[in-house]
Amino acid sequence: MARLDDALLISALPGILWAARVEDGTLVDLTLRRDDRPEVQGNLYLGRVVRLDRGLGAAFVEVGLAAPGLLPLDRVEARPAEGAALLVKVQRAPGAGKGAKLTARIPAELRRRLEPAARAATAPALLQRAEDPLDRLLDAGAPPIPVVADDPEVLAEARRRLEAAGRPSEGLELYRGSLPLFETSGLAERIEALLDPRVALPGGGALLIEPTRTLTAVDVDSGGARAGDPERLALEVNLEAAAAAARELRLRRLSGLIVIDFLELRSRPQRQEVVRRLRQEMKPDPEAGRVLPMSASGLVEVTRRRAGPPLHALLTRPCGLHGSGRAWDPAILAWQALQRLRHQALGRPGGSLRLACGPGGAAALQGPAAPAHRAVAAALGREIEILPDPTLADDEIRIVI
């Protein structure tokens, strides 16, 4: 078995795929792909112009998503007419009540390659999907690290992609353990920690990360009084915070405007040192945007491109007064229960398999997680019975073997 603390780990069931790159025991990259929440950034569409807005200097273009995308007219060679078909690319994924941001600046070679499909299509139509994030993870790193997957089909697909890219396909391994792969490796706990607003720093300080509708606020907490020169200690905490913030923003998939409130530093060179560290730590981030200079009060503005929903939106749902809180998405809990059931049942051939569920859990098993439910039952050669249990919480699911 390959070392799980230095590998690309892939856990999959029909409808969901997790891929995590771990280097020297540190989670450095994370992808979650849900078939019921397809990502569209980078997709190419034949769109249809539904409205021109002269005030915004933009066109609203129907591409087949929930809402028309916004196409700035300064990114179009010739002003289109309403009803016209147009080749566009999603530059920024929709989110927070906004449609996708589009561009019509398509490289000439790619445009020529898509012309036959565009002529045969009726707008709106998807012409080409963006690169799968899994390709980026498989291609990352030199030399390549081992790939461990818990699904044979996913492992075969990873081998095919590596060979098609001319990369070595050795070191691919199928995981067969009594616990799910992400639980054995400790990643399940690490991913759950990405939902926690508080992130501890090595020296005793902490980050407090609060996404809102308009921006993400990150506050740096010193962690209390410590002996030593206050200015030097503030610099040390800020440097730790810069590294942690870059890592957490990427793993949590937070985007748009991000404001980091560092501990105040009187020295301008020290403020510049913290900003340099933040920029350096954000360099590997494919979605990183600008990092502005630090203000005298310690505020730094950062931007990240929106490549899709943030992690908390993929794992949880709004709850509480006016949606002010978050609770686990029942579909995520259903996929997790099926994954645990699959691994537990492999070591216990024969016997019945049952899942006791609250109403929300049962609905998830019969909805987004239904393909996974059928696949696990087929792999085990046994039916998985769903038992409604009014004593359980709405989204609770328990394994009964």
Protein backbone atom coordinates (compact mmCIF):
# COMPACT_ATOMS: atom_id res chain seq x y z
CA MET A 1 0.00 0.00 0.00
CA ALA A 2 1.31 3.42 -0.98
CA ARG A 3 1.87 6.00 1.74
CA LEU A 4 -1.40 7.87 2.15
CA ASP A 5 0.41 10.96 3.44
CA ASP A 6 2.14 11.52 0.09
CA ALA A 7 -0.30 10.63 -2.70
CA LEU A 8 -3.27 11.69 -4.79
CA LEU A 9 -6.27 10.08 -3.09
CA ILE A 10 -9.51 9.64 -5.05
CA SER A 11 -12.77 8.49 -3.48
CA ALA A 12 -15.80 8.08 -5.73
CA LEU A 13 -19.34 6.82 -5.98
CA PRO A 14 -21.81 7.46 -8.81
CA GLY A 15 -22.75 11.12 -8.49
CA ILE A 16 -19.76 12.29 -6.45
CA LEU A 17 -15.97 12.32 -6.62
CA TRP A 18 -13.43 13.53 -4.10
CA ALA A 19 -9.79 14.04 -5.08
CA ALA A 20 -7.20 15.22 -2.59
CA ARG A 21 -3.50 15.78 -3.14
CA VAL A 22 -1.46 15.20 0.01
CA GLU A 23 2.24 16.06 0.20
CA ASP A 24 4.30 15.17 3.29
CA GLY A 25 1.10 14.75 5.28
CA THR A 26 -0.30 18.17 4.28
CA LEU A 27 -3.47 18.59 2.24
CA VAL A 28 -2.44 20.92 -0.60
CA ASP A 29 -5.29 20.59 -3.12
CA LEU A 30 -8.87 19.41 -2.96
CA THR A 31 -11.56 18.81 -5.57
CA LEU A 32 -15.18 17.87 -5.00
CA ARG A 33 -17.25 17.04 -8.07
CA ARG A 34 -21.02 16.59 -7.66
CA ASP A 35 -23.01 15.54 -10.69
CA ASP A 36 -26.07 17.38 -9.35
CA ARG A 37 -23.98 20.60 -9.12
CA PRO A 38 -21.99 20.63 -12.37
CA GLU A 39 -19.27 23.26 -12.65
CA VAL A 40 -19.37 25.44 -15.74
CA GLN A 41 -16.36 27.77 -15.61
CA GLY A 42 -14.41 27.34 -18.84
CA ASN A 43 -17.33 25.77 -20.71
CA LEU A 44 -17.92 26.98 -24.29
CA TYR A 45 -21.47 27.61 -25.42
CA LEU A 46 -23.39 28.72 -28.45
CA GLY A 47 -25.43 31.39 -26.67
CA ARG A 48 -28.41 33.49 -27.68
CA VAL A 49 -28.54 37.22 -26.91
CA VAL A 50 -31.78 37.87 -25.01
CA ARG A 51 -31.26 41.52 -24.02
CA LEU A 52 -28.87 44.43 -24.57
CA ASP A 53 -28.38 46.75 -21.62
CA ARG A 54 -26.83 50.03 -22.74
CA GLY A 55 -26.54 51.28 -19.15
CA LEU A 56 -24.38 48.33 -18.18
CA GLY A 57 -22.67 48.21 -21.56
CA ALA A 58 -23.40 44.50 -21.63
CA ALA A 59 -25.54 41.82 -23.21
CA PHE A 60 -27.48 39.13 -21.37
CA VAL A 61 -26.88 35.82 -23.13
CA GLU A 62 -28.86 32.63 -22.63
CA VAL A 63 -26.52 29.62 -22.50
CA GLY A 64 -28.79 27.06 -20.87
CA LEU A 65 -27.98 27.77 -17.22
CA ALA A 66 -30.43 28.85 -14.52
CA ALA A 67 -29.99 32.53 -15.45
CA PRO A 68 -28.59 34.34 -18.51
CA GLY A 69 -24.90 35.18 -18.40
CA LEU A 70 -23.49 38.71 -18.56
CA LEU A 71 -21.32 39.53 -21.58
CA PRO A 72 -19.52 42.92 -21.41
CA LEU A 73 -19.79 44.47 -24.87
CA ASP A 74 -16.20 45.70 -24.74
CA ARG A 75 -15.25 42.02 -25.09
CA VAL A 76 -17.14 41.62 -28.37
CA GLU A 77 -15.64 42.52 -31.75
CA ALA A 78 -19.01 43.54 -33.23
CA ARG A 79 -22.06 44.58 -31.21
CA PRO A 80 -24.60 41.70 -31.44
CA ALA A 81 -28.31 42.11 -32.01
CA GLU A 82 -30.96 40.71 -29.70
CA GLY A 83 -31.75 37.14 -30.76
CA ALA A 84 -28.34 36.61 -32.37
CA ALA A 85 -26.36 33.42 -31.75
CA LEU A 86 -22.90 33.95 -30.30
CA LEU A 87 -19.97 31.73 -29.30
CA VAL A 88 -19.11 32.50 -25.66
CA LYS A 89 -17.00 31.10 -22.84
CA VAL A 90 -17.85 31.13 -19.13
CA GLN A 91 -15.16 33.29 -17.56
CA ARG A 92 -16.61 33.29 -14.05
CA ALA A 93 -19.08 30.78 -12.65
CA PRO A 94 -22.52 31.97 -11.51
CA GLY A 95 -23.04 32.49 -7.80
CA ALA A 96 -24.61 34.61 -5.06
CA GLY A 97 -27.65 35.42 -7.20
CA LYS A 98 -25.54 36.48 -10.19
CA GLY A 99 -25.38 34.87 -13.59
CA ALA A 100 -22.15 33.68 -15.16
CA LYS A 101 -19.72 36.23 -16.55
CA LEU A 102 -19.01 35.52 -20.22
CA THR A 103 -16.43 36.44 -22.80
CA ALA A 104 -16.60 36.22 -26.58
CA ARG A 105 -12.82 36.37 -26.94
CA ILE A 106 -12.18 32.82 -28.13
CA PRO A 107 -8.78 31.90 -29.66
CA ALA A 108 -9.04 31.68 -33.47
CA GLU A 109 -7.86 28.06 -33.61
CA LEU A 110 -10.41 26.94 -31.02
CA ARG A 111 -13.14 28.94 -32.77
CA ARG A 112 -12.39 27.19 -36.08
CA ARG A 113 -12.49 23.81 -34.36
CA LEU A 114 -15.91 24.53 -32.88
CA GLU A 115 -17.48 26.01 -36.01
CA PRO A 116 -18.90 22.71 -37.36
CA ALA A 117 -20.58 21.95 -34.02
CA ALA A 118 -21.86 25.52 -33.75
CA ARG A 119 -23.42 25.39 -37.24
CA ALA A 120 -25.21 22.14 -36.37
CA ALA A 121 -26.45 23.36 -32.97
CA THR A 122 -29.43 25.48 -31.93
CA ALA A 123 -28.67 28.12 -29.32
CA PRO A 124 -28.40 27.77 -26.41
CA ALA A 125 -26.13 24.73 -26.61
CA LEU A 126 -23.04 23.44 -24.82
CA LEU A 127 -20.23 22.97 -27.36
CA GLN A 128 -17.27 22.00 -25.17
CA ARG A 129 -16.78 21.32 -21.49
CA ALA A 130 -13.90 22.80 -19.55
CA GLU A 131 -10.97 20.70 -18.41
CA ASP A 132 -11.93 18.32 -15.63
CA PRO A 133 -10.26 19.39 -12.34
CA LEU A 134 -9.08 15.80 -11.96
CA ASP A 135 -6.81 16.30 -14.99
CA ARG A 136 -5.13 19.22 -13.22
CA LEU A 137 -4.56 17.14 -10.08
CA LEU A 138 -3.18 14.22 -12.06
CA ASP A 139 -0.86 16.56 -13.95
CA ALA A 140 0.39 18.43 -10.88
CA GLY A 141 3.74 17.81 -9.28
CA ALA A 142 7.13 16.66 -10.47
CA PRO A 143 7.89 13.87 -10.06
CA PRO A 144 4.34 12.47 -9.98
CA ILE A 145 3.16 10.95 -6.71
CA PRO A 146 1.22 7.68 -6.31
CA VAL A 147 -2.51 7.60 -7.04
CA VAL A 148 -4.76 5.63 -4.68
CA ALA A 149 -8.46 5.24 -5.55
CA ASP A 150 -11.28 3.25 -3.98
CA ASP A 151 -13.15 2.67 -7.24
CA PRO A 152 -11.74 0.45 -10.04
CA GLU A 153 -13.47 2.43 -12.80
CA VAL A 154 -12.02 5.70 -11.54
CA LEU A 155 -8.58 4.10 -11.29
CA ALA A 156 -8.85 2.86 -14.90
CA GLU A 157 -9.93 6.35 -16.00
CA ALA A 158 -6.96 7.91 -14.19
CA ARG A 159 -4.64 5.47 -15.98
CA ARG A 160 -6.19 6.32 -19.35
CA ARG A 161 -5.82 10.07 -18.77
CA LEU A 162 -2.21 9.77 -17.64
CA GLU A 163 -1.28 7.63 -20.64
CA ALA A 164 -3.11 9.98 -23.03
CA ALA A 165 -1.07 12.86 -21.60
CA GLY A 166 2.16 10.90 -22.02
CA ARG A 167 2.75 10.72 -18.26
CA PRO A 168 3.84 7.65 -16.26
CA SER A 169 0.91 5.53 -15.12
CA GLU A 170 2.80 3.39 -12.61
CA GLY A 171 1.96 3.74 -8.95
CA LEU A 172 -1.83 3.50 -9.39
CA GLU A 173 -3.36 1.44 -6.61
CA LEU A 174 -6.87 0.25 -5.71
CA TYR A 175 -7.77 0.79 -2.06
CA ARG A 176 -9.64 -2.00 -0.28
CA GLY A 177 -9.87 -1.26 3.42
CA SER A 178 -12.44 -1.77 6.15
CA LEU A 179 -12.88 2.00 6.47
CA PRO A 180 -13.47 4.57 3.70
CA LEU A 181 -10.26 5.88 2.15
CA PHE A 182 -10.71 9.44 3.39
CA GLU A 183 -11.37 8.21 6.95
CA THR A 184 -8.29 5.95 6.96
CA SER A 185 -6.09 8.79 5.70
CA GLY A 186 -7.54 11.36 8.13
CA LEU A 187 -8.82 13.52 5.28
CA ALA A 188 -12.46 13.29 6.38
CA GLU A 189 -11.55 15.05 9.62
CA ARG A 190 -9.38 17.59 7.79
CA ILE A 191 -12.19 18.41 5.34
CA GLU A 192 -14.69 18.83 8.16
CA ALA A 193 -12.24 21.28 9.76
CA LEU A 194 -12.52 23.40 6.59
CA LEU A 195 -16.06 24.24 7.68
CA ASP A 196 -14.84 25.59 11.03
CA PRO A 197 -14.52 29.41 11.10
CA ARG A 198 -11.53 29.12 13.45
CA VAL A 199 -8.12 27.97 12.20
CA ALA A 200 -5.37 27.53 14.78
CA LEU A 201 -1.90 28.89 13.97
CA PRO A 202 1.32 27.12 15.03
CA GLY A 203 2.36 29.85 17.47
CA GLY A 204 -0.94 29.97 19.36
CA GLY A 205 -2.78 32.58 17.27
CA ALA A 206 -5.76 31.91 15.05
CA LEU A 207 -7.60 32.91 11.92
CA LEU A 208 -11.33 33.59 12.01
CA ILE A 209 -12.82 33.10 8.53
CA GLU A 210 -16.34 34.39 7.91
CA PRO A 211 -17.80 34.22 4.37
CA THR A 212 -20.69 36.66 3.80
CA ARG A 213 -22.85 37.48 0.79
CA THR A 214 -20.63 40.39 -0.24
CA LEU A 215 -17.10 39.41 0.86
CA THR A 216 -15.06 37.06 3.01
CA ALA A 217 -13.67 38.54 6.21
CA VAL A 218 -10.54 36.99 7.73
CA ASP A 219 -9.48 38.20 11.17
CA VAL A 220 -6.07 37.45 12.66
CA ASP A 221 -6.16 36.78 16.42
CA SER A 222 -2.88 36.96 18.36
CA GLY A 223 -4.01 34.26 20.79
CA GLY A 224 -3.36 36.28 23.92
CA ALA A 225 -0.38 37.86 25.60
CA ARG A 226 3.04 36.26 25.07
CA ALA A 227 6.43 37.29 26.37
CA GLY A 228 8.66 39.28 24.04
CA ASP A 229 8.68 42.38 21.91
CA PRO A 230 5.04 43.08 20.83
CA GLU A 231 6.03 44.31 17.36
CA ARG A 232 8.18 41.25 16.67
CA LEU A 233 5.48 38.91 17.99
CA ALA A 234 2.86 40.64 15.81
CA LEU A 235 5.07 40.12 12.76
CA GLU A 236 5.54 36.42 13.57
CA VAL A 237 1.79 35.87 13.97
CA ASN A 238 1.07 37.78 10.76
CA LEU A 239 3.58 35.69 8.78
CA GLU A 240 2.00 32.48 10.10
CA ALA A 241 -1.44 33.90 9.28
CA ALA A 242 -0.41 34.78 5.72
CA ALA A 243 0.64 31.18 5.00
CA ALA A 244 -2.46 29.72 6.64
CA ALA A 245 -4.83 32.16 4.92
CA ALA A 246 -3.47 31.34 1.45
CA ARG A 247 -3.92 27.62 2.12
CA GLU A 248 -7.39 27.90 3.67
CA LEU A 249 -8.80 30.23 1.00
CA ARG A 250 -7.78 27.76 -1.70
CA LEU A 251 -9.03 24.63 0.06
CA ARG A 252 -12.31 26.31 1.05
CA ARG A 253 -12.75 27.61 -2.52
CA LEU A 254 -13.56 31.11 -1.28
CA SER A 255 -13.65 33.74 -4.00
CA GLY A 256 -14.44 37.34 -4.83
CA LEU A 257 -13.30 40.06 -2.43
CA ILE A 258 -11.46 38.82 0.65
CA VAL A 259 -10.38 41.24 3.39
CA ILE A 260 -7.72 40.04 5.83
CA ASP A 261 -7.39 42.03 9.06
CA PHE A 262 -3.80 41.39 10.16
CA LEU A 263 -2.36 42.53 13.49
CA GLU A 264 -1.34 46.17 13.22
CA LEU A 265 2.32 46.83 12.38
CA ARG A 266 3.85 50.28 12.72
CA SER A 267 6.82 49.47 10.46
CA ARG A 268 6.16 49.79 6.74
CA PRO A 269 8.92 47.26 5.82
CA GLN A 270 7.26 44.73 8.14
CA ARG A 271 3.87 45.33 6.48
CA GLN A 272 5.52 44.79 3.11
CA GLU A 273 7.14 41.57 4.37
CA VAL A 274 3.73 40.16 5.34
CA VAL A 275 2.25 41.03 1.94
CA ARG A 276 5.24 39.42 0.18
CA ARG A 277 4.69 36.23 2.21
CA LEU A 278 0.99 36.21 1.33
CA ARG A 279 1.72 36.70 -2.39
CA GLN A 280 4.37 33.97 -2.30
CA GLU A 281 2.00 31.50 -0.57
CA MET A 282 -0.77 32.25 -3.07
CA LYS A 283 1.42 31.71 -6.15
CA PRO A 284 0.49 28.00 -6.61
CA ASP A 285 -3.22 28.87 -6.42
CA PRO A 286 -4.66 28.69 -9.98
CA GLU A 287 -7.51 31.04 -9.04
CA ALA A 288 -5.44 33.65 -7.20
CA GLY A 289 -6.00 37.24 -8.25
CA ARG A 290 -4.64 40.44 -6.74
CA VAL A 291 -3.07 41.01 -3.33
CA LEU A 292 -3.10 44.74 -2.53
CA PRO A 293 -0.66 46.49 -0.16
CA MET A 294 -1.42 46.48 3.56
CA SER A 295 -3.03 49.57 5.03
CA ALA A 296 -1.57 51.21 8.13
CA SER A 297 -4.31 49.53 10.20
CA GLY A 298 -3.40 46.06 8.91
CA LEU A 299 -6.08 45.48 6.25
CA VAL A 300 -5.15 43.60 3.06
CA GLU A 301 -7.57 43.13 0.17
CA VAL A 302 -7.26 39.89 -1.82
CA THR A 303 -9.25 38.60 -4.78
CA ARG A 304 -9.78 35.03 -6.00
CA ARG A 305 -11.57 34.10 -9.20
CA ARG A 306 -14.83 32.23 -8.74
CA ALA A 307 -14.38 28.75 -10.21
CA GLY A 308 -17.58 27.35 -8.71
CA PRO A 309 -19.42 27.16 -5.40
CA PRO A 310 -17.38 27.44 -2.19
CA LEU A 311 -16.75 24.22 -0.31
CA HIS A 312 -19.28 25.04 2.41
CA ALA A 313 -22.01 25.42 -0.23
CA LEU A 314 -21.16 21.98 -1.67
CA LEU A 315 -21.18 20.26 1.73
CA THR A 316 -23.88 22.08 3.66
CA ARG A 317 -27.21 23.85 3.31
CA PRO A 318 -28.57 27.04 4.94
CA CYS A 319 -30.57 26.62 8.13
CA GLY A 320 -31.70 28.68 11.10
CA LEU A 321 -33.22 32.15 11.11
CA HIS A 322 -33.11 33.58 7.56
CA GLY A 323 -30.56 30.92 6.64
CA SER A 324 -28.01 32.35 9.06
CA GLY A 325 -26.64 28.92 9.98
CA ARG A 326 -25.39 25.85 8.09
CA ALA A 327 -26.25 22.14 8.36
CA TRP A 328 -24.88 19.13 6.49
CA ASP A 329 -26.42 18.57 3.06
CA PRO A 330 -28.41 15.28 3.35
CA ALA A 331 -26.99 14.12 -0.01
CA ILE A 332 -23.44 14.37 1.38
CA LEU A 333 -24.48 12.36 4.45
CA ALA A 334 -26.14 9.77 2.19
CA TRP A 335 -22.99 9.36 0.05
CA GLN A 336 -20.86 9.07 3.19
CA ALA A 337 -23.17 6.41 4.68
CA LEU A 338 -23.08 4.39 1.46
CA GLN A 339 -19.29 4.63 1.35
CA ARG A 340 -19.00 3.38 4.94
CA LEU A 341 -21.54 0.63 4.29
CA ARG A 342 -19.63 -0.54 1.21
CA HIS A 343 -16.37 -0.92 3.12
CA GLN A 344 -17.94 -2.51 6.22
CA ALA A 345 -19.93 -5.03 4.16
CA LEU A 346 -16.85 -6.16 2.19
CA GLY A 347 -15.58 -7.86 5.35
CA ARG A 348 -18.97 -9.36 6.21
CA PRO A 349 -20.23 -11.43 3.30
CA GLY A 350 -23.89 -12.41 3.48
CA GLY A 351 -26.56 -10.94 5.70
CA SER A 352 -28.92 -8.03 5.27
CA LEU A 353 -27.89 -4.43 4.65
CA ARG A 354 -30.08 -1.66 5.96
CA LEU A 355 -29.92 2.10 6.37
CA ALA A 356 -32.14 3.67 9.02
CA CYS A 357 -33.00 7.23 7.96
CA GLY A 358 -34.81 10.35 8.93
CA PRO A 359 -37.08 11.87 6.22
CA GLY A 360 -34.34 14.04 4.69
CA GLY A 361 -31.85 11.18 4.61
CA ALA A 362 -34.36 8.86 2.95
CA ALA A 363 -35.16 11.53 0.34
CA ALA A 364 -31.44 11.96 -0.42
CA LEU A 365 -30.96 8.19 -0.88
CA GLN A 366 -33.86 8.18 -3.32
CA GLY A 367 -32.72 11.41 -5.00
CA PRO A 368 -29.13 12.60 -5.66
CA ALA A 369 -27.61 9.50 -4.02
CA ALA A 370 -29.89 6.99 -5.76
CA PRO A 371 -27.30 6.01 -8.45
CA ALA A 372 -24.73 5.40 -5.69
CA HIS A 373 -27.31 3.38 -3.72
CA ARG A 374 -27.89 1.09 -6.71
CA ALA A 375 -24.16 0.80 -7.52
CA VAL A 376 -23.16 -0.18 -3.97
CA ALA A 377 -25.96 -2.76 -3.81
CA ALA A 378 -24.84 -4.22 -7.15
CA ALA A 379 -21.17 -4.32 -6.08
CA LEU A 380 -22.06 -6.14 -2.86
CA GLY A 381 -24.59 -8.42 -4.55
CA ARG A 382 -27.21 -7.57 -1.92
CA GLU A 383 -30.14 -5.22 -1.61
CA ILE A 384 -29.76 -2.21 0.68
CA GLU A 385 -33.03 -1.62 2.49
CA ILE A 386 -34.02 1.92 3.49
CA LEU A 387 -35.80 1.97 6.86
CA PRO A 388 -37.67 5.21 7.71
CA ASP A 389 -37.11 5.94 11.42
CA PRO A 390 -39.13 8.79 12.97
CA THR A 391 -36.83 8.81 16.01
CA LEU A 392 -33.87 10.03 13.90
CA ALA A 393 -33.13 13.63 12.97
CA ASP A 394 -34.32 14.73 9.54
CA ASP A 395 -31.01 14.17 7.75
CA GLU A 396 -29.62 11.40 9.99
CA ILE A 397 -28.61 8.04 8.46
CA ARG A 398 -27.46 4.99 10.43
CA ILE A 399 -26.00 1.74 9.13
CA VAL A 400 -27.74 -1.43 10.30
CA ILE A 401 -25.90 -4.68 9.45
